[in-house]
C-alpha atoms as a PDB file:
ATOM      1  CA  UNK A   1     119.957  90.103 110.618  1.00  0.00           C
ATOM      2  CA  UNK A   2     117.634  86.980 109.914  1.00  0.00           C
ATOM      3  CA  UNK A   3     113.960  85.877 109.573  1.00  0.00           C
ATOM      4  CA  UNK A   4     112.546  85.240 112.853  1.00  0.00           C
ATOM      5  CA  UNK A   5     111.537  81.733 114.152  1.00  0.00           C
ATOM      6  CA  UNK A   6     108.237  80.460 112.132  1.00  0.00           C
ATOM      7  CA  UNK A   7     105.126  81.368 113.523  1.00  0.00           C
ATOM      8  CA  UNK A   8     102.988  79.042 111.351  1.00  0.00           C
ATOM      9  CA  UNK A   9     103.963  75.428 110.971  1.00  0.00           C
ATOM     10  CA  UNK A  10     101.478  74.233 108.522  1.00  0.00           C
ATOM     11  CA  UNK A  11     102.719  73.051 104.914  1.00  0.00           C
ATOM     12  CA  UNK A  12      99.669  74.213 102.969  1.00  0.00           C
ATOM     13  CA  UNK A  13      98.626  77.460 104.083  1.00  0.00           C
ATOM     14  CA  UNK A  14      95.219  78.542 105.532  1.00  0.00           C
ATOM     15  CA  UNK A  15      92.597  80.934 104.718  1.00  0.00           C
ATOM     16  CA  UNK A  16      92.846  83.461 107.452  1.00  0.00           C
ATOM     17  CA  UNK A  17      93.084  87.224 105.681  1.00  0.00           C
ATOM     18  CA  UNK A  18      90.872  89.967 107.237  1.00  0.00           C
ATOM     19  CA  UNK A  19      89.752  92.600 104.574  1.00  0.00           C
ATOM     20  CA  UNK A  20      88.445  96.127 105.859  1.00  0.00           C
ATOM     21  CA  UNK A  21      86.782  98.148 102.850  1.00  0.00           C
ATOM     22  CA  UNK A  22      87.619 101.718 102.892  1.00  0.00           C
ATOM     23  CA  UNK A  23      83.802 102.427 102.990  1.00  0.00           C
ATOM     24  CA  UNK A  24      83.917 100.971 106.593  1.00  0.00           C
ATOM     25  CA  UNK A  25      82.586 103.635 108.953  1.00  0.00           C
ATOM     26  CA  UNK A  26      84.972 104.813 111.606  1.00  0.00           C
ATOM     27  CA  UNK A  27      85.659 102.472 114.824  1.00  0.00           C
ATOM     28  CA  UNK A  28      85.735 105.862 117.105  1.00  0.00           C
ATOM     29  CA  UNK A  29      84.811 109.336 116.153  1.00  0.00           C
ATOM     30  CA  UNK A  30      85.282 112.308 118.902  1.00  0.00           C
ATOM     31  CA  UNK A  31      86.175 115.868 118.371  1.00  0.00           C
ATOM     32  CA  UNK A  32      86.306 116.019 114.666  1.00  0.00           C
ATOM     33  CA  UNK A  33      88.309 112.986 114.530  1.00  0.00           C
ATOM     34  CA  UNK A  34      87.778 109.509 113.067  1.00  0.00           C
ATOM     35  CA  UNK A  35      90.016 106.571 114.015  1.00  0.00           C
ATOM     36  CA  UNK A  36      89.847 103.415 112.056  1.00  0.00           C
ATOM     37  CA  UNK A  37      91.073 100.230 113.860  1.00  0.00           C
ATOM     38  CA  UNK A  38      92.517  98.680 110.478  1.00  0.00           C
ATOM     39  CA  UNK A  39      94.776  95.932 112.210  1.00  0.00           C
ATOM     40  CA  UNK A  40      94.816  95.849 116.123  1.00  0.00           C
ATOM     41  CA  UNK A  41      97.498  93.976 118.315  1.00  0.00           C
ATOM     42  CA  UNK A  42      94.542  91.323 119.035  1.00  0.00           C
ATOM     43  CA  UNK A  43      93.784  90.646 115.027  1.00  0.00           C
ATOM     44  CA  UNK A  44      97.594  90.694 114.316  1.00  0.00           C
ATOM     45  CA  UNK A  45      98.478  88.235 117.301  1.00  0.00           C
ATOM     46  CA  UNK A  46     100.686  91.047 118.709  1.00  0.00           C
ATOM     47  CA  UNK A  47     102.673  91.706 115.781  1.00  0.00           C
ATOM     48  CA  UNK A  48     101.823  95.184 115.306  1.00  0.00           C
ATOM     49  CA  UNK A  49      98.438  97.692 115.385  1.00  0.00           C
ATOM     50  CA  UNK A  50      97.546  99.946 112.523  1.00  0.00           C
ATOM     51  CA  UNK A  51      94.936 102.723 112.619  1.00  0.00           C
ATOM     52  CA  UNK A  52      93.909 105.327 110.301  1.00  0.00           C
ATOM     53  CA  UNK A  53      93.697 108.695 112.069  1.00  0.00           C
ATOM     54  CA  UNK A  54      91.560 111.126 110.241  1.00  0.00           C
ATOM     55  CA  UNK A  55      91.916 114.853 111.667  1.00  0.00           C
ATOM     56  CA  UNK A  56      88.702 117.492 111.005  1.00  0.00           C
ATOM     57  CA  UNK A  57      89.950 120.964 110.635  1.00  0.00           C
ATOM     58  CA  UNK A  58      90.229 121.750 114.077  1.00  0.00           C
ATOM     59  CA  UNK A  59      93.521 121.757 116.035  1.00  0.00           C
ATOM     60  CA  UNK A  60      94.246 118.447 117.626  1.00  0.00           C
ATOM     61  CA  UNK A  61      96.805 115.813 118.566  1.00  0.00           C
ATOM     62  CA  UNK A  62      99.026 114.876 121.650  1.00  0.00           C
ATOM     63  CA  UNK A  63     102.134 117.137 122.263  1.00  0.00           C
ATOM     64  CA  UNK A  64     105.571 115.641 122.929  1.00  0.00           C
ATOM     65  CA  UNK A  65     105.522 112.216 124.636  1.00  0.00           C
ATOM     66  CA  UNK A  66     107.395 108.721 124.520  1.00  0.00           C
ATOM     67  CA  UNK A  67     106.801 104.918 124.838  1.00  0.00           C
ATOM     68  CA  UNK A  68     109.222 102.649 126.325  1.00  0.00           C
ATOM     69  CA  UNK A  69     107.668  99.446 125.149  1.00  0.00           C
ATOM     70  CA  UNK A  70     106.449 100.159 121.656  1.00  0.00           C
ATOM     71  CA  UNK A  71     107.542 102.100 118.469  1.00  0.00           C
ATOM     72  CA  UNK A  72     105.400 104.395 116.555  1.00  0.00           C
ATOM     73  CA  UNK A  73     105.332 105.107 112.726  1.00  0.00           C
ATOM     74  CA  UNK A  74     103.442 107.928 110.906  1.00  0.00           C
ATOM     75  CA  UNK A  75     102.658 107.901 107.182  1.00  0.00           C
ATOM     76  CA  UNK A  76     100.756 110.917 105.998  1.00  0.00           C
ATOM     77  CA  UNK A  77      97.857 110.051 103.391  1.00  0.00           C
ATOM     78  CA  UNK A  78      96.484 113.692 102.820  1.00  0.00           C
ATOM     79  CA  UNK A  79      96.630 117.234 104.303  1.00  0.00           C
ATOM     80  CA  UNK A  80      99.636 118.397 106.223  1.00  0.00           C
ATOM     81  CA  UNK A  81     100.151 117.052 110.006  1.00  0.00           C
ATOM     82  CA  UNK A  82     102.428 118.662 112.189  1.00  0.00           C
ATOM     83  CA  UNK A  83     105.270 115.978 113.350  1.00  0.00           C
ATOM     84  CA  UNK A  84     107.577 116.237 116.434  1.00  0.00           C
ATOM     85  CA  UNK A  85     110.818 114.149 115.754  1.00  0.00           C
ATOM     86  CA  UNK A  86     112.343 115.203 119.311  1.00  0.00           C
ATOM     87  CA  UNK A  87     113.907 118.102 118.030  1.00  0.00           C
ATOM     88  CA  UNK A  88     111.841 120.052 115.710  1.00  0.00           C
ATOM     89  CA  UNK A  89     108.222 120.183 114.696  1.00  0.00           C
ATOM     90  CA  UNK A  90     108.109 119.410 111.078  1.00  0.00           C
ATOM     91  CA  UNK A  91     105.357 120.097 108.533  1.00  0.00           C
ATOM     92  CA  UNK A  92     104.412 116.396 107.311  1.00  0.00           C
ATOM     93  CA  UNK A  93     102.618 116.174 103.962  1.00  0.00           C
ATOM     94  CA  UNK A  94     101.453 113.589 101.841  1.00  0.00           C
ATOM     95  CA  UNK A  95     103.678 110.866 101.176  1.00  0.00           C
ATOM     96  CA  UNK A  96     105.851 111.871 104.388  1.00  0.00           C
ATOM     97  CA  UNK A  97     107.123 109.316 106.922  1.00  0.00           C
ATOM     98  CA  UNK A  98     108.177 109.451 110.654  1.00  0.00           C
ATOM     99  CA  UNK A  99     109.587 106.302 112.629  1.00  0.00           C
ATOM    100  CA  UNK A 100     109.960 106.753 116.404  1.00  0.00           C
ATOM    101  CA  UNK A 101     111.686 103.763 117.938  1.00  0.00           C
ATOM    102  CA  UNK A 102     111.035 103.017 121.750  1.00  0.00           C
ATOM    103  CA  UNK A 103     111.871 105.907 123.852  1.00  0.00           C
ATOM    104  CA  UNK A 104     112.019 108.499 120.944  1.00  0.00           C
ATOM    105  CA  UNK A 105     110.126 111.562 122.011  1.00  0.00           C
ATOM    106  CA  UNK A 106     107.723 112.708 119.647  1.00  0.00           C
ATOM    107  CA  UNK A 107     103.994 114.065 118.877  1.00  0.00           C
ATOM    108  CA  UNK A 108     101.687 115.195 116.154  1.00  0.00           C
ATOM    109  CA  UNK A 109      99.092 118.082 115.464  1.00  0.00           C
ATOM    110  CA  UNK A 110      96.738 119.078 112.933  1.00  0.00           C
ATOM    111  CA  UNK A 111      97.426 122.752 113.051  1.00  0.00           C
ATOM    112  CA  UNK A 112      96.679 123.880 109.428  1.00  0.00           C
ATOM    113  CA  UNK A 113      92.719 124.159 110.027  1.00  0.00           C
ATOM    114  CA  UNK A 114      92.019 121.472 107.079  1.00  0.00           C
ATOM    115  CA  UNK A 115      91.207 117.982 107.209  1.00  0.00           C
ATOM    116  CA  UNK A 116      94.205 115.642 107.247  1.00  0.00           C
ATOM    117  CA  UNK A 117      94.790 111.900 107.540  1.00  0.00           C
ATOM    118  CA  UNK A 118      97.287 109.605 108.351  1.00  0.00           C
ATOM    119  CA  UNK A 119      98.461 106.044 109.504  1.00  0.00           C
ATOM    120  CA  UNK A 120      99.863 105.000 112.650  1.00  0.00           C
ATOM    121  CA  UNK A 121     101.719 101.907 112.999  1.00  0.00           C
ATOM    122  CA  UNK A 122     102.692 100.565 116.666  1.00  0.00           C
ATOM    123  CA  UNK A 123     105.052  97.615 117.091  1.00  0.00           C
ATOM    124  CA  UNK A 124     104.612  95.200 118.491  1.00  0.00           C
ATOM    125  CA  UNK A 125     100.804  95.512 118.802  1.00  0.00           C
ATOM    126  CA  UNK A 126      99.631  97.025 122.036  1.00  0.00           C
ATOM    127  CA  UNK A 127      95.950  97.432 123.064  1.00  0.00           C
ATOM    128  CA  UNK A 128      95.600 100.934 121.803  1.00  0.00           C
ATOM    129  CA  UNK A 129      91.922 101.106 121.540  1.00  0.00           C
ATOM    130  CA  UNK A 130      91.282 101.323 125.175  1.00  0.00           C
ATOM    131  CA  UNK A 131      93.446 104.320 125.038  1.00  0.00           C
ATOM    132  CA  UNK A 132      91.951 106.035 122.075  1.00  0.00           C
ATOM    133  CA  UNK A 133      88.416 105.360 123.685  1.00  0.00           C
ATOM    134  CA  UNK A 134      89.435 106.940 127.036  1.00  0.00           C
ATOM    135  CA  UNK A 135      90.470 109.924 125.137  1.00  0.00           C
ATOM    136  CA  UNK A 136      87.466 110.360 123.288  1.00  0.00           C
ATOM    137  CA  UNK A 137      85.658 109.980 127.013  1.00  0.00           C
ATOM    138  CA  UNK A 138      87.677 112.692 128.460  1.00  0.00           C
ATOM    139  CA  UNK A 139      86.862 114.826 125.256  1.00  0.00           C
ATOM    140  CA  UNK A 140      83.391 114.332 126.352  1.00  0.00           C
ATOM    141  CA  UNK A 141      83.909 115.587 129.799  1.00  0.00           C
ATOM    142  CA  UNK A 142      84.824 112.760 131.769  1.00  0.00           C
ATOM    143  CA  UNK A 143      87.366 113.574 134.494  1.00  0.00           C
ATOM    144  CA  UNK A 144      90.336 111.637 135.996  1.00  0.00           C
ATOM    145  CA  UNK A 145      91.859 112.640 139.438  1.00  0.00           C
ATOM    146  CA  UNK A 146      95.471 112.914 139.408  1.00  0.00           C
ATOM    147  CA  UNK A 147      96.215 109.277 140.710  1.00  0.00           C
ATOM    148  CA  UNK A 148      94.044 107.896 137.778  1.00  0.00           C
ATOM    149  CA  UNK A 149      95.641 110.008 135.375  1.00  0.00           C
ATOM    150  CA  UNK A 150      98.981 109.049 136.122  1.00  0.00           C
ATOM    151  CA  UNK A 151      97.752 105.128 136.151  1.00  0.00           C
ATOM    152  CA  UNK A 152      96.010 105.608 132.736  1.00  0.00           C
ATOM    153  CA  UNK A 153      99.200 106.944 131.159  1.00  0.00           C
ATOM    154  CA  UNK A 154     101.459 104.369 132.847  1.00  0.00           C
ATOM    155  CA  UNK A 155      99.059 101.545 131.715  1.00  0.00           C
ATOM    156  CA  UNK A 156      99.336 102.586 128.245  1.00  0.00           C
ATOM    157  CA  UNK A 157     102.925 103.455 128.117  1.00  0.00           C
ATOM    158  CA  UNK A 158     102.804 107.112 127.703  1.00  0.00           C
ATOM    159  CA  UNK A 159     105.554 109.413 129.382  1.00  0.00           C
ATOM    160  CA  UNK A 160     106.135 113.154 129.310  1.00  0.00           C
ATOM    161  CA  UNK A 161     110.010 113.974 128.547  1.00  0.00           C
END
């Protein structure tokens, strides 16, 4: 394996870093969850998307599913998060990591009854923000018809095994 082709052709570098303070409020909050858009596919020029997902004490999180176009990785920052690796639900604790390549069945849930937090990394960077925001609308009572729901999940590369 070798390095990919250059994406920057300059000789002196540039000032282009983006800093986000840990005190910045969540970009999206619903149902006891806070989602922080740390680095979106748009800000990383499609390279990846990185999000911090803070769970409240209530049970929440998606069941088993897979993606055809993106990989997804999980890094537990605090608390206990149940992670599905395609075979078993595992108790993910601080410092635990799960990587899921495209096509890998996975899921995650907070079921312990305590707050928890994790990082989610998608590669390449996909527009997950609209997916998360629609989930918040659904949690607030918005309803999707069967065809609309199927189109929504297809548009966001979410498939049931």
